[in-house]
Amino acid sequence: MPADGAPLAGLAGVVLAAGQARRFGADKRWASWQDEPLLAHVLRTAWATCDRVLVVVERHDPALDELLGRLPAEPVVCPDARRGLAFSRRCGLDALNGDPGLRGVLVFLGDMPAIRPADARRLGRRMLETGLPVRPVYRGEPGHPVACPAQWLAELRESGFPGEQGRLIEWGHVGVVRDVDYPADLCRLVEP
């Protein structure tokens, strides 16, 4: 097992960042928190956890190219993203098909910047140890990232989380459930 601060070999992070942000009123991926765009925080956490990172977007975006120049990730364009989160998730998972070294996937949401890298790595390790999908729960609320072993990807692709077979793990940090839907939500984010 790698050191606590090292990415976990064979894990891919899939960052879902193709939403419409209608409630936010602007493209929230670029909203600033701690002097960085929200999406930059999520990509950093994904890279701290996984040795491969994909970011699912609806269309090509020059601002994303600039960010990926600093925080490399593989862009996955999902033209069906307007149809909902499930379509973005499927696009990201489909892009992993044929990866022979894939041991598991962590699915992150692009509007959840307060997930701590240590928490994401802990979820990844738990998933690898149990061989089961795991999801954090904070005070009864299911959170992210969802961690899923490679052999469960078909179920993850279809359902988002194989609830009956997967494990919900009570989590002590609110960052696993804090997303940004409205500008005021930026004030509710906790320090990671």
N, C-alpha and C. Protein backbone atom coordinates (compact mmCIF):
# COMPACT_ATOMS: atom_id res chain seq x y z
N MET A 1 0.86 -1.19 0.00
CA MET A 1 0.00 0.00 0.00
C MET A 1 0.90 1.25 0.00
N PRO A 2 0.54 2.26 -0.80
CA PRO A 2 1.36 3.47 -0.84
C PRO A 2 1.28 4.26 0.45
N ALA A 3 2.21 5.19 0.60
CA ALA A 3 2.17 6.10 1.75
C ALA A 3 0.86 6.86 1.74
N ASP A 4 0.46 7.35 2.90
CA ASP A 4 -0.84 8.00 3.02
C ASP A 4 -1.03 9.15 2.04
N GLY A 5 0.01 9.87 1.70
CA GLY A 5 -0.13 11.02 0.82
C GLY A 5 0.04 10.70 -0.66
N ALA A 6 0.24 9.44 -1.02
CA ALA A 6 0.50 9.07 -2.41
C ALA A 6 -0.78 8.62 -3.11
N PRO A 7 -0.87 8.88 -4.43
CA PRO A 7 -2.01 8.35 -5.19
C PRO A 7 -2.01 6.82 -5.15
N LEU A 8 -3.17 6.25 -5.29
CA LEU A 8 -3.33 4.80 -5.27
C LEU A 8 -3.22 4.25 -6.68
N ALA A 9 -2.29 3.34 -6.90
CA ALA A 9 -2.03 2.79 -8.23
C ALA A 9 -3.26 2.06 -8.76
N GLY A 10 -3.53 2.28 -10.03
CA GLY A 10 -4.62 1.57 -10.68
C GLY A 10 -5.99 2.19 -10.47
N LEU A 11 -6.04 3.34 -9.77
CA LEU A 11 -7.33 4.01 -9.58
C LEU A 11 -7.45 5.17 -10.57
N ALA A 12 -8.66 5.32 -11.11
CA ALA A 12 -8.96 6.45 -11.98
C ALA A 12 -9.97 7.34 -11.28
N GLY A 13 -9.75 8.63 -11.36
CA GLY A 13 -10.72 9.59 -10.87
C GLY A 13 -11.53 10.12 -12.04
N VAL A 14 -12.84 10.07 -11.93
CA VAL A 14 -13.72 10.62 -12.95
C VAL A 14 -14.43 11.82 -12.33
N VAL A 15 -14.10 13.01 -12.82
CA VAL A 15 -14.67 14.25 -12.30
C VAL A 15 -15.81 14.67 -13.22
N LEU A 16 -17.02 14.71 -12.68
CA LEU A 16 -18.19 15.09 -13.47
C LEU A 16 -18.35 16.61 -13.38
N ALA A 17 -18.08 17.29 -14.51
CA ALA A 17 -18.09 18.76 -14.53
C ALA A 17 -18.80 19.27 -15.78
N ALA A 18 -19.91 18.64 -16.13
CA ALA A 18 -20.63 19.01 -17.35
C ALA A 18 -22.00 19.61 -17.07
N GLY A 19 -22.28 19.92 -15.80
CA GLY A 19 -23.60 20.43 -15.44
C GLY A 19 -23.88 21.82 -16.00
N GLN A 20 -25.13 22.20 -15.97
CA GLN A 20 -25.57 23.46 -16.54
C GLN A 20 -25.47 24.63 -15.58
N ALA A 21 -25.40 24.39 -14.30
CA ALA A 21 -25.25 25.44 -13.27
C ALA A 21 -26.35 26.49 -13.36
N ARG A 22 -27.55 26.08 -13.69
CA ARG A 22 -28.66 27.04 -13.81
C ARG A 22 -28.93 27.77 -12.49
N ARG A 23 -28.91 27.04 -11.40
CA ARG A 23 -29.20 27.67 -10.10
C ARG A 23 -28.10 28.64 -9.68
N PHE A 24 -26.88 28.37 -10.11
CA PHE A 24 -25.76 29.24 -9.73
C PHE A 24 -25.80 30.55 -10.51
N GLY A 25 -26.31 30.50 -11.73
CA GLY A 25 -26.42 31.71 -12.53
C GLY A 25 -25.22 31.99 -13.43
N ALA A 26 -24.19 31.18 -13.34
CA ALA A 26 -22.98 31.31 -14.16
C ALA A 26 -22.28 29.96 -14.14
N ASP A 27 -21.20 29.85 -14.87
CA ASP A 27 -20.46 28.58 -14.90
C ASP A 27 -19.68 28.44 -13.58
N LYS A 28 -20.24 27.67 -12.68
CA LYS A 28 -19.67 27.60 -11.32
C LYS A 28 -18.32 26.90 -11.27
N ARG A 29 -17.96 26.17 -12.31
CA ARG A 29 -16.63 25.54 -12.30
C ARG A 29 -15.53 26.58 -12.09
N TRP A 30 -15.79 27.83 -12.53
CA TRP A 30 -14.78 28.88 -12.47
C TRP A 30 -15.00 29.83 -11.31
N ALA A 31 -16.02 29.58 -10.49
CA ALA A 31 -16.23 30.40 -9.30
C ALA A 31 -15.03 30.23 -8.37
N SER A 32 -14.60 31.31 -7.76
CA SER A 32 -13.40 31.28 -6.94
C SER A 32 -13.71 30.89 -5.50
N TRP A 33 -12.89 29.99 -4.98
CA TRP A 33 -12.90 29.62 -3.58
C TRP A 33 -11.44 29.42 -3.19
N GLN A 34 -11.01 30.10 -2.15
CA GLN A 34 -9.61 30.05 -1.71
C GLN A 34 -8.68 30.39 -2.87
N ASP A 35 -9.07 31.41 -3.65
CA ASP A 35 -8.26 31.94 -4.74
C ASP A 35 -8.02 30.96 -5.89
N GLU A 36 -8.87 29.97 -6.02
CA GLU A 36 -8.77 29.01 -7.12
C GLU A 36 -10.18 28.68 -7.60
N PRO A 37 -10.34 28.31 -8.88
CA PRO A 37 -11.65 27.85 -9.35
C PRO A 37 -12.07 26.58 -8.61
N LEU A 38 -13.36 26.41 -8.43
CA LEU A 38 -13.87 25.21 -7.76
C LEU A 38 -13.32 23.94 -8.41
N LEU A 39 -13.34 23.92 -9.73
CA LEU A 39 -12.89 22.71 -10.43
C LEU A 39 -11.42 22.40 -10.15
N ALA A 40 -10.59 23.41 -9.96
CA ALA A 40 -9.18 23.17 -9.65
C ALA A 40 -9.03 22.40 -8.34
N HIS A 41 -9.83 22.72 -7.35
CA HIS A 41 -9.76 22.01 -6.07
C HIS A 41 -10.11 20.53 -6.25
N VAL A 42 -11.15 20.27 -7.02
CA VAL A 42 -11.59 18.88 -7.23
C VAL A 42 -10.52 18.11 -8.00
N LEU A 43 -9.95 18.72 -9.03
CA LEU A 43 -8.90 18.04 -9.80
C LEU A 43 -7.69 17.74 -8.94
N ARG A 44 -7.32 18.66 -8.06
CA ARG A 44 -6.17 18.42 -7.15
C ARG A 44 -6.45 17.22 -6.24
N THR A 45 -7.66 17.15 -5.71
CA THR A 45 -7.99 16.03 -4.83
C THR A 45 -7.99 14.72 -5.61
N ALA A 46 -8.53 14.75 -6.83
CA ALA A 46 -8.53 13.53 -7.66
C ALA A 46 -7.10 13.08 -7.94
N TRP A 47 -6.20 14.03 -8.26
CA TRP A 47 -4.81 13.66 -8.53
C TRP A 47 -4.08 13.20 -7.27
N ALA A 48 -4.45 13.68 -6.13
CA ALA A 48 -3.82 13.23 -4.89
C ALA A 48 -4.24 11.80 -4.55
N THR A 49 -5.30 11.33 -5.18
CA THR A 49 -5.87 10.02 -4.87
C THR A 49 -5.61 8.99 -5.96
N CYS A 50 -5.68 9.41 -7.21
CA CYS A 50 -5.70 8.50 -8.35
C CYS A 50 -4.51 8.76 -9.26
N ASP A 51 -4.07 7.70 -9.97
CA ASP A 51 -2.96 7.92 -10.89
C ASP A 51 -3.42 8.22 -12.32
N ARG A 52 -4.73 8.32 -12.51
CA ARG A 52 -5.30 8.75 -13.79
C ARG A 52 -6.55 9.56 -13.48
N VAL A 53 -6.73 10.70 -14.14
CA VAL A 53 -7.88 11.56 -13.87
C VAL A 53 -8.52 11.97 -15.20
N LEU A 54 -9.84 11.81 -15.27
CA LEU A 54 -10.63 12.25 -16.41
C LEU A 54 -11.60 13.32 -15.92
N VAL A 55 -11.89 14.29 -16.76
CA VAL A 55 -12.89 15.31 -16.42
C VAL A 55 -13.92 15.33 -17.54
N VAL A 56 -15.18 15.10 -17.17
CA VAL A 56 -16.27 15.02 -18.14
C VAL A 56 -16.89 16.41 -18.28
N VAL A 57 -16.93 16.90 -19.52
CA VAL A 57 -17.48 18.21 -19.83
C VAL A 57 -18.47 18.06 -20.99
N GLU A 58 -19.31 19.07 -21.16
CA GLU A 58 -20.30 19.01 -22.23
C GLU A 58 -19.69 19.34 -23.59
N ARG A 59 -18.74 20.26 -23.60
CA ARG A 59 -18.14 20.69 -24.87
C ARG A 59 -16.74 21.23 -24.59
N HIS A 60 -15.99 21.38 -25.66
CA HIS A 60 -14.64 21.94 -25.57
C HIS A 60 -14.73 23.36 -24.99
N ASP A 61 -13.78 23.71 -24.13
CA ASP A 61 -13.79 25.01 -23.46
C ASP A 61 -12.34 25.49 -23.31
N PRO A 62 -11.98 26.63 -23.91
CA PRO A 62 -10.60 27.13 -23.77
C PRO A 62 -10.19 27.35 -22.30
N ALA A 63 -11.11 27.74 -21.44
CA ALA A 63 -10.77 27.93 -20.01
C ALA A 63 -10.35 26.59 -19.39
N LEU A 64 -11.01 25.52 -19.81
CA LEU A 64 -10.64 24.19 -19.31
C LEU A 64 -9.25 23.81 -19.81
N ASP A 65 -8.95 24.11 -21.08
CA ASP A 65 -7.61 23.81 -21.61
C ASP A 65 -6.54 24.48 -20.77
N GLU A 66 -6.77 25.73 -20.38
CA GLU A 66 -5.80 26.46 -19.57
C GLU A 66 -5.63 25.79 -18.21
N LEU A 67 -6.74 25.41 -17.59
CA LEU A 67 -6.67 24.75 -16.29
C LEU A 67 -5.96 23.40 -16.40
N LEU A 68 -6.26 22.65 -17.47
CA LEU A 68 -5.63 21.33 -17.64
C LEU A 68 -4.15 21.45 -17.98
N GLY A 69 -3.72 22.63 -18.40
CA GLY A 69 -2.29 22.87 -18.56
C GLY A 69 -1.56 22.87 -17.24
N ARG A 70 -2.27 23.25 -16.17
CA ARG A 70 -1.68 23.28 -14.82
C ARG A 70 -1.99 22.01 -14.04
N LEU A 71 -3.17 21.48 -14.23
CA LEU A 71 -3.64 20.30 -13.50
C LEU A 71 -4.10 19.26 -14.52
N PRO A 72 -3.18 18.50 -15.07
CA PRO A 72 -3.52 17.62 -16.18
C PRO A 72 -4.62 16.63 -15.85
N ALA A 73 -5.53 16.51 -16.77
CA ALA A 73 -6.59 15.51 -16.72
C ALA A 73 -7.02 15.27 -18.16
N GLU A 74 -7.59 14.12 -18.40
CA GLU A 74 -8.05 13.80 -19.74
C GLU A 74 -9.48 14.33 -19.90
N PRO A 75 -9.71 15.28 -20.82
CA PRO A 75 -11.08 15.75 -21.02
C PRO A 75 -11.89 14.71 -21.78
N VAL A 76 -13.11 14.50 -21.34
CA VAL A 76 -14.05 13.61 -22.00
C VAL A 76 -15.27 14.46 -22.34
N VAL A 77 -15.51 14.65 -23.62
CA VAL A 77 -16.65 15.46 -24.05
C VAL A 77 -17.89 14.57 -24.10
N CYS A 78 -18.94 15.02 -23.42
CA CYS A 78 -20.19 14.27 -23.33
C CYS A 78 -21.32 15.13 -23.88
N PRO A 79 -21.64 14.99 -25.18
CA PRO A 79 -22.70 15.81 -25.77
C PRO A 79 -24.07 15.60 -25.12
N ASP A 80 -24.27 14.45 -24.48
CA ASP A 80 -25.56 14.16 -23.82
C ASP A 80 -25.63 14.67 -22.39
N ALA A 81 -24.66 15.44 -21.95
CA ALA A 81 -24.61 15.89 -20.55
C ALA A 81 -25.87 16.64 -20.14
N ARG A 82 -26.48 17.35 -21.05
CA ARG A 82 -27.71 18.09 -20.72
C ARG A 82 -28.84 17.17 -20.26
N ARG A 83 -28.72 15.91 -20.56
CA ARG A 83 -29.76 14.95 -20.19
C ARG A 83 -29.66 14.49 -18.74
N GLY A 84 -28.57 14.86 -18.05
CA GLY A 84 -28.47 14.55 -16.63
C GLY A 84 -27.13 13.94 -16.23
N LEU A 85 -26.95 13.88 -14.93
CA LEU A 85 -25.71 13.39 -14.33
C LEU A 85 -25.40 11.95 -14.76
N ALA A 86 -26.41 11.13 -14.90
CA ALA A 86 -26.19 9.73 -15.27
C ALA A 86 -25.50 9.63 -16.63
N PHE A 87 -25.83 10.53 -17.55
CA PHE A 87 -25.20 10.50 -18.86
C PHE A 87 -23.74 10.90 -18.78
N SER A 88 -23.43 11.89 -17.96
CA SER A 88 -22.03 12.28 -17.76
C SER A 88 -21.24 11.15 -17.12
N ARG A 89 -21.83 10.51 -16.13
CA ARG A 89 -21.14 9.40 -15.46
C ARG A 89 -20.84 8.29 -16.45
N ARG A 90 -21.81 7.95 -17.29
CA ARG A 90 -21.61 6.89 -18.28
C ARG A 90 -20.51 7.26 -19.27
N CYS A 91 -20.49 8.51 -19.73
CA CYS A 91 -19.43 8.96 -20.65
C CYS A 91 -18.05 8.77 -20.01
N GLY A 92 -17.91 9.20 -18.77
CA GLY A 92 -16.63 9.07 -18.09
C GLY A 92 -16.22 7.62 -17.91
N LEU A 93 -17.15 6.78 -17.50
CA LEU A 93 -16.82 5.37 -17.30
C LEU A 93 -16.54 4.67 -18.62
N ASP A 94 -17.29 5.03 -19.67
CA ASP A 94 -17.04 4.43 -20.99
C ASP A 94 -15.65 4.77 -21.49
N ALA A 95 -15.14 5.95 -21.15
CA ALA A 95 -13.80 6.36 -21.58
C ALA A 95 -12.72 5.50 -20.93
N LEU A 96 -13.05 4.79 -19.87
CA LEU A 96 -12.09 3.93 -19.19
C LEU A 96 -12.06 2.51 -19.75
N ASN A 97 -13.01 2.19 -20.62
CA ASN A 97 -13.06 0.83 -21.20
C ASN A 97 -11.72 0.47 -21.81
N GLY A 98 -11.30 -0.74 -21.54
CA GLY A 98 -10.06 -1.23 -22.12
C GLY A 98 -8.81 -0.88 -21.34
N ASP A 99 -8.93 -0.25 -20.18
CA ASP A 99 -7.76 0.06 -19.36
C ASP A 99 -7.39 -1.20 -18.57
N PRO A 100 -6.36 -1.94 -19.00
CA PRO A 100 -6.06 -3.22 -18.36
C PRO A 100 -5.57 -3.11 -16.92
N GLY A 101 -5.01 -1.97 -16.55
CA GLY A 101 -4.49 -1.81 -15.19
C GLY A 101 -5.48 -1.21 -14.21
N LEU A 102 -6.72 -1.00 -14.66
CA LEU A 102 -7.72 -0.35 -13.81
C LEU A 102 -8.15 -1.27 -12.68
N ARG A 103 -7.98 -0.78 -11.44
CA ARG A 103 -8.41 -1.52 -10.26
C ARG A 103 -9.70 -0.96 -9.69
N GLY A 104 -9.98 0.32 -9.96
CA GLY A 104 -11.18 0.93 -9.43
C GLY A 104 -11.29 2.38 -9.87
N VAL A 105 -12.45 2.96 -9.57
CA VAL A 105 -12.78 4.32 -9.98
C VAL A 105 -13.33 5.08 -8.78
N LEU A 106 -12.95 6.34 -8.67
CA LEU A 106 -13.59 7.26 -7.74
C LEU A 106 -14.30 8.31 -8.57
N VAL A 107 -15.60 8.49 -8.33
CA VAL A 107 -16.39 9.47 -9.06
C VAL A 107 -16.54 10.70 -8.18
N PHE A 108 -16.01 11.82 -8.67
CA PHE A 108 -16.07 13.10 -7.99
C PHE A 108 -17.06 14.01 -8.71
N LEU A 109 -17.65 14.95 -7.99
CA LEU A 109 -18.48 15.97 -8.60
C LEU A 109 -17.66 17.26 -8.68
N GLY A 110 -17.73 17.93 -9.81
CA GLY A 110 -16.92 19.12 -10.04
C GLY A 110 -17.27 20.31 -9.18
N ASP A 111 -18.40 20.23 -8.45
CA ASP A 111 -18.81 21.35 -7.59
C ASP A 111 -18.68 21.02 -6.10
N MET A 112 -17.78 20.07 -5.79
CA MET A 112 -17.55 19.69 -4.39
C MET A 112 -16.06 19.88 -4.05
N PRO A 113 -15.62 21.12 -3.86
CA PRO A 113 -14.20 21.39 -3.66
C PRO A 113 -13.67 21.12 -2.26
N ALA A 114 -14.53 20.82 -1.30
CA ALA A 114 -14.08 20.70 0.09
C ALA A 114 -13.79 19.26 0.51
N ILE A 115 -13.76 18.34 -0.44
CA ILE A 115 -13.37 16.97 -0.12
C ILE A 115 -11.86 16.96 0.10
N ARG A 116 -11.46 16.45 1.23
CA ARG A 116 -10.04 16.42 1.56
C ARG A 116 -9.36 15.25 0.84
N PRO A 117 -8.16 15.47 0.30
CA PRO A 117 -7.45 14.37 -0.36
C PRO A 117 -7.29 13.14 0.54
N ALA A 118 -7.01 13.33 1.82
CA ALA A 118 -6.85 12.18 2.72
C ALA A 118 -8.14 11.38 2.82
N ASP A 119 -9.28 12.06 2.77
CA ASP A 119 -10.57 11.35 2.82
C ASP A 119 -10.79 10.54 1.54
N ALA A 120 -10.48 11.13 0.40
CA ALA A 120 -10.64 10.41 -0.87
C ALA A 120 -9.72 9.19 -0.92
N ARG A 121 -8.48 9.34 -0.46
CA ARG A 121 -7.56 8.18 -0.44
C ARG A 121 -8.07 7.11 0.52
N ARG A 122 -8.61 7.52 1.64
CA ARG A 122 -9.15 6.56 2.61
C ARG A 122 -10.30 5.76 2.00
N LEU A 123 -11.18 6.46 1.26
CA LEU A 123 -12.26 5.76 0.57
C LEU A 123 -11.72 4.78 -0.48
N GLY A 124 -10.72 5.23 -1.23
CA GLY A 124 -10.12 4.36 -2.23
C GLY A 124 -9.50 3.12 -1.60
N ARG A 125 -8.78 3.31 -0.51
CA ARG A 125 -8.18 2.15 0.19
C ARG A 125 -9.25 1.21 0.71
N ARG A 126 -10.32 1.77 1.29
CA ARG A 126 -11.40 0.92 1.81
C ARG A 126 -12.03 0.10 0.69
N MET A 127 -12.24 0.72 -0.46
CA MET A 127 -12.79 0.01 -1.61
C MET A 127 -11.86 -1.12 -2.04
N LEU A 128 -10.57 -0.84 -2.11
CA LEU A 128 -9.63 -1.88 -2.52
C LEU A 128 -9.54 -3.01 -1.50
N GLU A 129 -9.61 -2.68 -0.22
CA GLU A 129 -9.53 -3.70 0.83
C GLU A 129 -10.75 -4.61 0.83
N THR A 130 -11.94 -4.04 0.64
CA THR A 130 -13.17 -4.83 0.72
C THR A 130 -13.57 -5.45 -0.61
N GLY A 131 -13.11 -4.87 -1.72
CA GLY A 131 -13.55 -5.33 -3.03
C GLY A 131 -14.98 -4.94 -3.34
N LEU A 132 -15.51 -3.97 -2.56
CA LEU A 132 -16.89 -3.55 -2.73
C LEU A 132 -16.96 -2.04 -2.99
N PRO A 133 -18.03 -1.58 -3.63
CA PRO A 133 -18.23 -0.15 -3.78
C PRO A 133 -18.45 0.48 -2.40
N VAL A 134 -17.91 1.67 -2.20
CA VAL A 134 -18.10 2.39 -0.94
C VAL A 134 -18.50 3.83 -1.23
N ARG A 135 -19.27 4.37 -0.30
CA ARG A 135 -19.73 5.76 -0.42
C ARG A 135 -19.77 6.38 0.97
N PRO A 136 -19.24 7.60 1.11
CA PRO A 136 -19.30 8.25 2.41
C PRO A 136 -20.70 8.79 2.70
N VAL A 137 -21.04 8.80 3.98
CA VAL A 137 -22.32 9.34 4.43
C VAL A 137 -22.01 10.28 5.59
N TYR A 138 -22.52 11.50 5.51
CA TYR A 138 -22.32 12.45 6.59
C TYR A 138 -23.68 12.76 7.19
N ARG A 139 -23.87 12.34 8.46
CA ARG A 139 -25.14 12.57 9.17
C ARG A 139 -26.35 12.15 8.35
N GLY A 140 -26.24 10.97 7.76
CA GLY A 140 -27.35 10.39 7.01
C GLY A 140 -27.44 10.81 5.56
N GLU A 141 -26.61 11.75 5.12
CA GLU A 141 -26.66 12.23 3.74
C GLU A 141 -25.55 11.57 2.91
N PRO A 142 -25.91 10.84 1.85
CA PRO A 142 -24.89 10.22 1.00
C PRO A 142 -24.02 11.27 0.32
N GLY A 143 -22.73 10.98 0.22
CA GLY A 143 -21.79 11.94 -0.33
C GLY A 143 -20.94 11.40 -1.46
N HIS A 144 -19.84 12.10 -1.72
CA HIS A 144 -18.88 11.75 -2.76
C HIS A 144 -17.48 11.95 -2.23
N PRO A 145 -16.53 11.32 -2.85
CA PRO A 145 -16.60 10.52 -4.05
C PRO A 145 -17.14 9.12 -3.78
N VAL A 146 -17.75 8.56 -4.80
CA VAL A 146 -18.16 7.16 -4.78
C VAL A 146 -16.96 6.37 -5.28
N ALA A 147 -16.58 5.33 -4.57
CA ALA A 147 -15.44 4.49 -4.95
C ALA A 147 -15.95 3.12 -5.35
N CYS A 148 -15.52 2.66 -6.53
CA CYS A 148 -16.07 1.42 -7.05
C CYS A 148 -14.97 0.57 -7.69
N PRO A 149 -14.84 -0.71 -7.27
CA PRO A 149 -13.86 -1.59 -7.90
C PRO A 149 -14.18 -1.81 -9.38
N ALA A 150 -13.16 -2.12 -10.16
CA ALA A 150 -13.33 -2.28 -11.61
C ALA A 150 -14.40 -3.32 -11.94
N GLN A 151 -14.49 -4.39 -11.17
CA GLN A 151 -15.45 -5.45 -11.51
C GLN A 151 -16.91 -5.01 -11.29
N TRP A 152 -17.12 -3.85 -10.67
CA TRP A 152 -18.47 -3.35 -10.41
C TRP A 152 -18.84 -2.18 -11.33
N LEU A 153 -18.01 -1.88 -12.33
CA LEU A 153 -18.25 -0.69 -13.12
C LEU A 153 -19.56 -0.74 -13.92
N ALA A 154 -19.98 -1.92 -14.34
CA ALA A 154 -21.26 -2.00 -15.08
C ALA A 154 -22.40 -1.53 -14.19
N GLU A 155 -22.39 -1.94 -12.93
CA GLU A 155 -23.43 -1.51 -12.00
C GLU A 155 -23.34 -0.01 -11.72
N LEU A 156 -22.12 0.50 -11.55
CA LEU A 156 -21.92 1.93 -11.32
C LEU A 156 -22.40 2.73 -12.53
N ARG A 157 -22.12 2.22 -13.70
CA ARG A 157 -22.52 2.90 -14.94
C ARG A 157 -24.04 3.05 -14.99
N GLU A 158 -24.75 2.03 -14.57
CA GLU A 158 -26.21 2.06 -14.68
C GLU A 158 -26.91 2.72 -13.50
N SER A 159 -26.42 2.49 -12.29
CA SER A 159 -27.17 2.95 -11.11
C SER A 159 -26.55 4.12 -10.35
N GLY A 160 -25.28 4.38 -10.58
CA GLY A 160 -24.61 5.43 -9.82
C GLY A 160 -23.96 4.91 -8.57
N PHE A 161 -24.60 4.00 -7.88
CA PHE A 161 -24.00 3.34 -6.73
C PHE A 161 -24.79 2.07 -6.45
N PRO A 162 -24.13 0.93 -6.51
CA PRO A 162 -24.83 -0.34 -6.24
C PRO A 162 -25.19 -0.43 -4.76
N GLY A 163 -26.28 0.20 -4.38
CA GLY A 163 -26.66 0.38 -2.99
C GLY A 163 -26.81 -0.89 -2.17
N GLU A 164 -27.42 -1.91 -2.73
CA GLU A 164 -27.65 -3.12 -1.93
C GLU A 164 -26.35 -3.86 -1.64
N GLN A 165 -25.43 -3.86 -2.59
CA GLN A 165 -24.17 -4.57 -2.39
C GLN A 165 -23.07 -3.67 -1.86
N GLY A 166 -23.20 -2.38 -2.08
CA GLY A 166 -22.16 -1.44 -1.67
C GLY A 166 -22.21 -1.15 -0.18
N ARG A 167 -21.20 -0.45 0.27
CA ARG A 167 -21.08 -0.10 1.69
C ARG A 167 -21.17 1.41 1.86
N LEU A 168 -22.08 1.85 2.71
CA LEU A 168 -22.16 3.24 3.11
C LEU A 168 -21.33 3.39 4.37
N ILE A 169 -20.44 4.36 4.39
CA ILE A 169 -19.52 4.53 5.52
C ILE A 169 -19.78 5.89 6.16
N GLU A 170 -20.11 5.88 7.43
CA GLU A 170 -20.33 7.15 8.15
C GLU A 170 -19.02 7.92 8.16
N TRP A 171 -19.09 9.19 7.79
CA TRP A 171 -17.90 10.02 7.63
C TRP A 171 -17.96 11.19 8.59
N GLY A 172 -16.82 11.63 9.07
CA GLY A 172 -16.79 12.69 10.06
C GLY A 172 -16.52 14.09 9.52
N HIS A 173 -16.39 14.24 8.21
CA HIS A 173 -16.09 15.56 7.64
C HIS A 173 -17.16 15.94 6.64
N VAL A 174 -17.71 17.12 6.81
CA VAL A 174 -18.84 17.59 6.00
C VAL A 174 -18.47 17.82 4.54
N GLY A 175 -17.20 17.90 4.22
CA GLY A 175 -16.78 18.14 2.84
C GLY A 175 -17.30 17.11 1.85
N VAL A 176 -17.61 15.90 2.32
CA VAL A 176 -18.08 14.85 1.41
C VAL A 176 -19.52 15.07 0.94
N VAL A 177 -20.23 16.04 1.55
CA VAL A 177 -21.61 16.33 1.12
C VAL A 177 -21.81 17.79 0.70
N ARG A 178 -20.81 18.63 0.84
CA ARG A 178 -20.96 20.06 0.55
C ARG A 178 -20.71 20.33 -0.93
N ASP A 179 -21.79 20.60 -1.66
CA ASP A 179 -21.65 21.01 -3.04
C ASP A 179 -22.04 22.47 -3.18
N VAL A 180 -21.84 23.00 -4.35
CA VAL A 180 -22.15 24.40 -4.61
C VAL A 180 -23.24 24.46 -5.67
N ASP A 181 -24.43 24.86 -5.26
CA ASP A 181 -25.54 25.04 -6.19
C ASP A 181 -25.84 26.51 -6.42
N TYR A 182 -25.67 27.33 -5.39
CA TYR A 182 -25.96 28.76 -5.43
C TYR A 182 -24.71 29.53 -4.98
N PRO A 183 -24.56 30.77 -5.40
CA PRO A 183 -23.39 31.55 -4.96
C PRO A 183 -23.23 31.60 -3.44
N ALA A 184 -24.33 31.64 -2.70
CA ALA A 184 -24.25 31.68 -1.23
C ALA A 184 -23.62 30.41 -0.67
N ASP A 185 -23.66 29.31 -1.42
CA ASP A 185 -23.07 28.05 -0.93
C ASP A 185 -21.56 28.16 -0.76
N LEU A 186 -20.94 29.08 -1.46
CA LEU A 186 -19.49 29.26 -1.32
C LEU A 186 -19.12 29.62 0.12
N CYS A 187 -20.00 30.34 0.79
CA CYS A 187 -19.76 30.73 2.18
C CYS A 187 -19.91 29.55 3.14
N ARG A 188 -20.63 28.51 2.74
CA ARG A 188 -20.86 27.35 3.60
C ARG A 188 -19.77 26.32 3.51
N LEU A 189 -18.89 26.46 2.53
CA LEU A 189 -17.84 25.47 2.37
C LEU A 189 -16.90 25.51 3.56
N VAL A 190 -16.50 24.35 3.96
CA VAL A 190 -15.55 24.26 5.08
C VAL A 190 -14.13 24.24 4.50
N GLU A 191 -13.19 24.59 5.32
CA GLU A 191 -11.80 24.47 4.90
C GLU A 191 -11.48 22.98 4.79
N PRO A 192 -10.88 22.56 3.67
CA PRO A 192 -10.57 21.13 3.53
C PRO A 192 -9.42 20.70 4.42
